[in-house]
Amino acid sequence: MIELTYYTGKDCGVCQVLKPKLREAVLSTFSGQVDFKEVDVAENREDAAQNRVFTLPVVIIKLDGREVKRFVRAFGVHQVTQYLEGLISPIA
């Protein structure tokens, strides 16, 4: 199973703009193939610390529980969806 975790914060303007676009792109394109999870770092400090999230926004993609890709600060929705397409193609 592929898991995408989006680390965000209420005070992060970029996070707030990117969040709905990323969620929509992932859920509409990869429905049933990618588990989308959102983590607010202020509310889940332990999760953020365990995953070494020190800046925002961050996307961590895991395959079968193992991290395979991390996008940090400067990235776009297209980069994330393109990576997911490449990851899913060999699986499908």
N, C-alpha and C. Protein backbone atom coordinates (compact mmCIF):
# COMPACT_ATOMS: atom_id res chain seq x y z
N MET A 1 0.83 -1.19 0.00
CA MET A 1 0.00 0.00 0.00
C MET A 1 0.88 1.25 0.00
N ILE A 2 0.44 2.25 -0.75
CA ILE A 2 1.16 3.52 -0.81
C ILE A 2 0.47 4.50 0.14
N GLU A 3 1.27 5.13 0.98
CA GLU A 3 0.76 6.14 1.91
C GLU A 3 1.42 7.47 1.60
N LEU A 4 0.62 8.52 1.51
CA LEU A 4 1.14 9.87 1.33
C LEU A 4 0.74 10.66 2.57
N THR A 5 1.73 11.20 3.27
CA THR A 5 1.46 12.01 4.45
C THR A 5 1.89 13.44 4.15
N TYR A 6 0.94 14.36 4.32
CA TYR A 6 1.17 15.78 4.08
C TYR A 6 1.30 16.47 5.43
N TYR A 7 2.49 16.98 5.72
CA TYR A 7 2.73 17.70 6.97
C TYR A 7 2.50 19.18 6.73
N THR A 8 1.64 19.77 7.55
CA THR A 8 1.19 21.13 7.35
C THR A 8 1.10 21.86 8.69
N GLY A 9 0.83 23.14 8.62
CA GLY A 9 0.64 23.94 9.82
C GLY A 9 -0.31 25.09 9.55
N LYS A 10 -1.06 25.48 10.54
CA LYS A 10 -2.04 26.56 10.38
C LYS A 10 -1.38 27.88 10.03
N ASP A 11 -0.15 28.10 10.48
CA ASP A 11 0.55 29.36 10.23
C ASP A 11 1.38 29.34 8.95
N CYS A 12 1.30 28.27 8.20
CA CYS A 12 2.07 28.12 6.96
C CYS A 12 1.18 28.47 5.77
N GLY A 13 1.39 29.65 5.20
CA GLY A 13 0.57 30.10 4.08
C GLY A 13 0.67 29.19 2.87
N VAL A 14 1.88 28.79 2.54
CA VAL A 14 2.09 27.89 1.40
C VAL A 14 1.34 26.58 1.62
N CYS A 15 1.39 26.07 2.84
CA CYS A 15 0.70 24.82 3.18
C CYS A 15 -0.79 24.93 2.93
N GLN A 16 -1.37 26.05 3.34
CA GLN A 16 -2.81 26.23 3.21
C GLN A 16 -3.24 26.34 1.75
N VAL A 17 -2.41 26.93 0.91
CA VAL A 17 -2.71 27.04 -0.52
C VAL A 17 -2.55 25.68 -1.20
N LEU A 18 -1.51 24.97 -0.86
CA LEU A 18 -1.19 23.69 -1.50
C LEU A 18 -2.12 22.56 -1.07
N LYS A 19 -2.56 22.58 0.19
CA LYS A 19 -3.32 21.48 0.77
C LYS A 19 -4.54 21.05 -0.05
N PRO A 20 -5.48 21.93 -0.40
CA PRO A 20 -6.65 21.46 -1.14
C PRO A 20 -6.31 20.97 -2.55
N LYS A 21 -5.32 21.59 -3.16
CA LYS A 21 -4.91 21.18 -4.51
C LYS A 21 -4.29 19.79 -4.49
N LEU A 22 -3.42 19.56 -3.52
CA LEU A 22 -2.76 18.26 -3.40
C LEU A 22 -3.76 17.17 -3.05
N ARG A 23 -4.63 17.45 -2.07
CA ARG A 23 -5.63 16.47 -1.66
C ARG A 23 -6.52 16.09 -2.85
N GLU A 24 -7.02 17.08 -3.58
CA GLU A 24 -7.90 16.82 -4.72
C GLU A 24 -7.19 16.02 -5.79
N ALA A 25 -5.95 16.39 -6.12
CA ALA A 25 -5.20 15.69 -7.16
C ALA A 25 -4.96 14.24 -6.78
N VAL A 26 -4.56 14.00 -5.55
CA VAL A 26 -4.25 12.63 -5.12
C VAL A 26 -5.52 11.79 -5.03
N LEU A 27 -6.55 12.33 -4.39
CA LEU A 27 -7.77 11.54 -4.19
C LEU A 27 -8.52 11.29 -5.50
N SER A 28 -8.50 12.25 -6.42
CA SER A 28 -9.22 12.04 -7.68
C SER A 28 -8.44 11.15 -8.65
N THR A 29 -7.13 11.27 -8.65
CA THR A 29 -6.31 10.51 -9.60
C THR A 29 -5.96 9.11 -9.10
N PHE A 30 -5.75 8.98 -7.80
CA PHE A 30 -5.26 7.72 -7.24
C PHE A 30 -6.21 7.11 -6.21
N SER A 31 -7.49 7.32 -6.40
CA SER A 31 -8.49 6.80 -5.47
C SER A 31 -8.34 5.29 -5.30
N GLY A 32 -8.22 4.85 -4.06
CA GLY A 32 -8.07 3.43 -3.77
C GLY A 32 -6.65 2.91 -3.91
N GLN A 33 -5.75 3.74 -4.45
CA GLN A 33 -4.37 3.31 -4.63
C GLN A 33 -3.40 3.98 -3.66
N VAL A 34 -3.79 5.17 -3.20
CA VAL A 34 -2.94 5.94 -2.30
C VAL A 34 -3.76 6.37 -1.10
N ASP A 35 -3.23 6.10 0.08
CA ASP A 35 -3.86 6.53 1.33
C ASP A 35 -3.32 7.91 1.67
N PHE A 36 -4.19 8.93 1.63
CA PHE A 36 -3.80 10.32 1.89
C PHE A 36 -4.03 10.66 3.35
N LYS A 37 -2.98 11.13 4.01
CA LYS A 37 -3.08 11.49 5.43
C LYS A 37 -2.51 12.90 5.60
N GLU A 38 -3.18 13.69 6.41
CA GLU A 38 -2.73 15.05 6.69
C GLU A 38 -2.36 15.17 8.16
N VAL A 39 -1.20 15.76 8.44
CA VAL A 39 -0.74 15.91 9.82
C VAL A 39 -0.43 17.38 10.09
N ASP A 40 -1.12 17.95 11.06
CA ASP A 40 -0.81 19.31 11.53
C ASP A 40 0.30 19.16 12.57
N VAL A 41 1.45 19.75 12.28
CA VAL A 41 2.61 19.53 13.15
C VAL A 41 2.43 20.12 14.54
N ALA A 42 1.64 21.17 14.68
CA ALA A 42 1.40 21.76 16.00
C ALA A 42 0.59 20.81 16.88
N GLU A 43 -0.30 20.05 16.27
CA GLU A 43 -1.15 19.13 17.01
C GLU A 43 -0.52 17.74 17.15
N ASN A 44 0.47 17.44 16.33
CA ASN A 44 1.10 16.11 16.32
C ASN A 44 2.62 16.24 16.30
N ARG A 45 3.15 16.90 17.31
CA ARG A 45 4.59 17.14 17.37
C ARG A 45 5.41 15.85 17.39
N GLU A 46 4.92 14.84 18.07
CA GLU A 46 5.66 13.59 18.17
C GLU A 46 5.78 12.91 16.81
N ASP A 47 4.68 12.87 16.06
CA ASP A 47 4.70 12.28 14.71
C ASP A 47 5.70 13.04 13.84
N ALA A 48 5.64 14.38 13.88
CA ALA A 48 6.55 15.19 13.08
C ALA A 48 8.00 14.93 13.47
N ALA A 49 8.27 14.85 14.75
CA ALA A 49 9.64 14.61 15.21
C ALA A 49 10.13 13.22 14.80
N GLN A 50 9.29 12.21 14.93
CA GLN A 50 9.68 10.85 14.56
C GLN A 50 10.01 10.75 13.08
N ASN A 51 9.35 11.58 12.26
CA ASN A 51 9.58 11.55 10.82
C ASN A 51 10.53 12.66 10.35
N ARG A 52 11.21 13.30 11.31
CA ARG A 52 12.21 14.33 11.02
C ARG A 52 11.65 15.44 10.13
N VAL A 53 10.49 15.95 10.51
CA VAL A 53 9.88 17.07 9.79
C VAL A 53 10.22 18.34 10.56
N PHE A 54 11.08 19.17 9.97
CA PHE A 54 11.56 20.38 10.64
C PHE A 54 11.19 21.66 9.90
N THR A 55 10.60 21.53 8.72
CA THR A 55 10.16 22.67 7.94
C THR A 55 8.86 22.28 7.25
N LEU A 56 8.16 23.25 6.70
CA LEU A 56 6.88 22.97 6.05
C LEU A 56 6.80 23.64 4.69
N PRO A 57 6.00 23.12 3.80
CA PRO A 57 5.30 21.84 3.86
C PRO A 57 6.23 20.68 3.53
N VAL A 58 5.79 19.49 3.92
CA VAL A 58 6.53 18.26 3.64
C VAL A 58 5.54 17.19 3.21
N VAL A 59 5.90 16.45 2.18
CA VAL A 59 5.15 15.26 1.76
C VAL A 59 6.09 14.07 1.89
N ILE A 60 5.63 13.06 2.61
CA ILE A 60 6.40 11.82 2.72
C ILE A 60 5.57 10.71 2.09
N ILE A 61 6.18 10.00 1.16
CA ILE A 61 5.50 8.88 0.50
C ILE A 61 6.15 7.59 0.98
N LYS A 62 5.30 6.68 1.44
CA LYS A 62 5.78 5.39 1.93
C LYS A 62 5.15 4.27 1.11
N LEU A 63 5.95 3.26 0.85
CA LEU A 63 5.49 2.06 0.16
C LEU A 63 5.69 0.91 1.14
N ASP A 64 4.59 0.26 1.48
CA ASP A 64 4.63 -0.84 2.45
C ASP A 64 5.32 -0.43 3.76
N GLY A 65 5.04 0.80 4.21
CA GLY A 65 5.56 1.28 5.47
C GLY A 65 6.97 1.85 5.45
N ARG A 66 7.61 1.81 4.29
CA ARG A 66 8.99 2.30 4.17
C ARG A 66 9.02 3.57 3.33
N GLU A 67 9.68 4.61 3.85
CA GLU A 67 9.76 5.88 3.11
C GLU A 67 10.53 5.68 1.81
N VAL A 68 9.91 6.14 0.70
CA VAL A 68 10.56 6.03 -0.60
C VAL A 68 10.82 7.39 -1.24
N LYS A 69 10.10 8.43 -0.76
CA LYS A 69 10.29 9.77 -1.33
C LYS A 69 9.83 10.82 -0.35
N ARG A 70 10.54 11.96 -0.37
CA ARG A 70 10.20 13.09 0.49
C ARG A 70 10.30 14.37 -0.35
N PHE A 71 9.24 15.17 -0.30
CA PHE A 71 9.23 16.48 -0.93
C PHE A 71 9.23 17.51 0.19
N VAL A 72 10.13 18.50 0.11
CA VAL A 72 10.28 19.48 1.19
C VAL A 72 10.27 20.90 0.62
N ARG A 73 9.48 21.76 1.23
CA ARG A 73 9.37 23.20 0.99
C ARG A 73 8.97 23.57 -0.43
N ALA A 74 9.85 23.47 -1.39
CA ALA A 74 9.58 23.97 -2.74
C ALA A 74 9.25 22.81 -3.68
N PHE A 75 7.96 22.51 -3.81
CA PHE A 75 7.51 21.46 -4.72
C PHE A 75 6.09 21.79 -5.15
N GLY A 76 5.68 21.16 -6.23
CA GLY A 76 4.33 21.38 -6.74
C GLY A 76 3.53 20.10 -6.78
N VAL A 77 2.24 20.26 -6.97
CA VAL A 77 1.33 19.12 -7.05
C VAL A 77 1.75 18.19 -8.18
N HIS A 78 2.14 18.77 -9.31
CA HIS A 78 2.52 17.95 -10.47
C HIS A 78 3.71 17.04 -10.15
N GLN A 79 4.68 17.54 -9.42
CA GLN A 79 5.84 16.72 -9.06
C GLN A 79 5.41 15.51 -8.22
N VAL A 80 4.51 15.74 -7.30
CA VAL A 80 4.04 14.66 -6.42
C VAL A 80 3.24 13.64 -7.22
N THR A 81 2.30 14.10 -8.04
CA THR A 81 1.47 13.16 -8.81
C THR A 81 2.30 12.41 -9.85
N GLN A 82 3.27 13.08 -10.43
CA GLN A 82 4.15 12.41 -11.40
C GLN A 82 4.94 11.29 -10.71
N TYR A 83 5.44 11.55 -9.51
CA TYR A 83 6.17 10.52 -8.78
C TYR A 83 5.25 9.35 -8.45
N LEU A 84 4.04 9.65 -8.00
CA LEU A 84 3.08 8.59 -7.67
C LEU A 84 2.75 7.74 -8.89
N GLU A 85 2.59 8.38 -10.05
CA GLU A 85 2.32 7.63 -11.28
C GLU A 85 3.43 6.64 -11.56
N GLY A 86 4.68 7.09 -11.42
CA GLY A 86 5.82 6.21 -11.64
C GLY A 86 5.91 5.08 -10.63
N LEU A 87 5.48 5.37 -9.43
CA LEU A 87 5.50 4.36 -8.37
C LEU A 87 4.40 3.32 -8.56
N ILE A 88 3.25 3.77 -9.02
CA ILE A 88 2.10 2.88 -9.18
C ILE A 88 2.22 2.02 -10.43
N SER A 89 2.79 2.54 -11.50
CA SER A 89 2.88 1.80 -12.77
C SER A 89 3.49 0.41 -12.62
N PRO A 90 4.65 0.27 -11.95
CA PRO A 90 5.22 -1.07 -11.79
C PRO A 90 4.38 -1.99 -10.90
N ILE A 91 3.60 -1.40 -9.99
CA ILE A 91 2.78 -2.19 -9.07
C ILE A 91 1.55 -2.73 -9.78
N ALA A 92 0.94 -1.89 -10.62
CA ALA A 92 -0.33 -2.24 -11.27
C ALA A 92 -0.21 -3.35 -12.28
